[in-house]
């Protein structure tokens, strides 16, 4: 995981802790690839399809 993703993970985790939805947060990262989004989801233990 590169430094950009490490920082993004920290920021996203903080925003989720304050109540924001992951999908809404990730919209603020338009240049993040699908693979990078999957990596962030994995790092933060976020399921793609929570049921």
C-alpha atoms as a PDB file:
ATOM      1  CA  UNK A   1       0.000   0.000   0.000  1.00  0.00           C
ATOM      2  CA  UNK A   2       1.478   3.317  -1.027  1.00  0.00           C
ATOM      3  CA  UNK A   3       1.568   6.459   1.119  1.00  0.00           C
ATOM      4  CA  UNK A   4      -1.474   7.961  -0.665  1.00  0.00           C
ATOM      5  CA  UNK A   5      -3.614   4.956   0.262  1.00  0.00           C
ATOM      6  CA  UNK A   6      -2.297   4.915   3.821  1.00  0.00           C
ATOM      7  CA  UNK A   7      -3.298   8.543   4.288  1.00  0.00           C
ATOM      8  CA  UNK A   8      -6.630   7.998   2.522  1.00  0.00           C
ATOM      9  CA  UNK A   9      -7.377   5.064   4.845  1.00  0.00           C
ATOM     10  CA  UNK A  10      -6.760   7.202   7.920  1.00  0.00           C
ATOM     11  CA  UNK A  11      -8.940  10.030   6.620  1.00  0.00           C
ATOM     12  CA  UNK A  12     -11.728   7.689   5.506  1.00  0.00           C
ATOM     13  CA  UNK A  13     -11.673   5.862   8.846  1.00  0.00           C
ATOM     14  CA  UNK A  14     -12.027   9.174  10.706  1.00  0.00           C
ATOM     15  CA  UNK A  15     -14.868  10.310   8.462  1.00  0.00           C
ATOM     16  CA  UNK A  16     -16.686   6.982   8.920  1.00  0.00           C
ATOM     17  CA  UNK A  17     -16.225   7.278  12.687  1.00  0.00           C
ATOM     18  CA  UNK A  18     -17.991  10.633  12.512  1.00  0.00           C
ATOM     19  CA  UNK A  19     -20.949   8.986  10.783  1.00  0.00           C
ATOM     20  CA  UNK A  20     -20.320   9.475   7.061  1.00  0.00           C
ATOM     21  CA  UNK A  21     -21.154   6.713   4.593  1.00  0.00           C
ATOM     22  CA  UNK A  22     -18.230   5.051   2.800  1.00  0.00           C
ATOM     23  CA  UNK A  23     -19.780   5.489  -0.644  1.00  0.00           C
ATOM     24  CA  UNK A  24     -20.288   9.208  -0.029  1.00  0.00           C
ATOM     25  CA  UNK A  25     -16.718   9.597   1.216  1.00  0.00           C
ATOM     26  CA  UNK A  26     -15.192   7.735  -1.715  1.00  0.00           C
ATOM     27  CA  UNK A  27     -16.912  10.145  -4.119  1.00  0.00           C
ATOM     28  CA  UNK A  28     -14.417  12.758  -2.850  1.00  0.00           C
ATOM     29  CA  UNK A  29     -11.629  10.662  -4.383  1.00  0.00           C
ATOM     30  CA  UNK A  30     -12.501  10.617  -8.110  1.00  0.00           C
ATOM     31  CA  UNK A  31      -8.986   9.648  -9.223  1.00  0.00           C
ATOM     32  CA  UNK A  32      -8.904   6.540  -7.027  1.00  0.00           C
ATOM     33  CA  UNK A  33      -9.080   3.394  -9.140  1.00  0.00           C
ATOM     34  CA  UNK A  34     -11.477   0.530  -8.469  1.00  0.00           C
ATOM     35  CA  UNK A  35      -8.518  -1.569  -7.310  1.00  0.00           C
ATOM     36  CA  UNK A  36      -7.493   1.137  -4.848  1.00  0.00           C
ATOM     37  CA  UNK A  37     -11.066   1.361  -3.524  1.00  0.00           C
ATOM     38  CA  UNK A  38     -11.053  -2.421  -2.993  1.00  0.00           C
ATOM     39  CA  UNK A  39      -7.738  -2.120  -1.171  1.00  0.00           C
ATOM     40  CA  UNK A  40      -9.130   0.586   1.129  1.00  0.00           C
ATOM     41  CA  UNK A  41     -12.269  -1.489   1.778  1.00  0.00           C
ATOM     42  CA  UNK A  42     -10.101  -4.475   2.676  1.00  0.00           C
ATOM     43  CA  UNK A  43      -7.825  -2.423   4.935  1.00  0.00           C
ATOM     44  CA  UNK A  44     -10.806  -0.915   6.795  1.00  0.00           C
ATOM     45  CA  UNK A  45     -12.824  -4.191   6.843  1.00  0.00           C
ATOM     46  CA  UNK A  46     -15.723  -2.719   4.878  1.00  0.00           C
ATOM     47  CA  UNK A  47     -17.928  -5.170   3.002  1.00  0.00           C
ATOM     48  CA  UNK A  48     -18.932  -4.150  -0.521  1.00  0.00           C
ATOM     49  CA  UNK A  49     -22.510  -5.371  -0.129  1.00  0.00           C
ATOM     50  CA  UNK A  50     -23.494  -5.201   3.531  1.00  0.00           C
ATOM     51  CA  UNK A  51     -26.675  -7.197   4.074  1.00  0.00           C
END
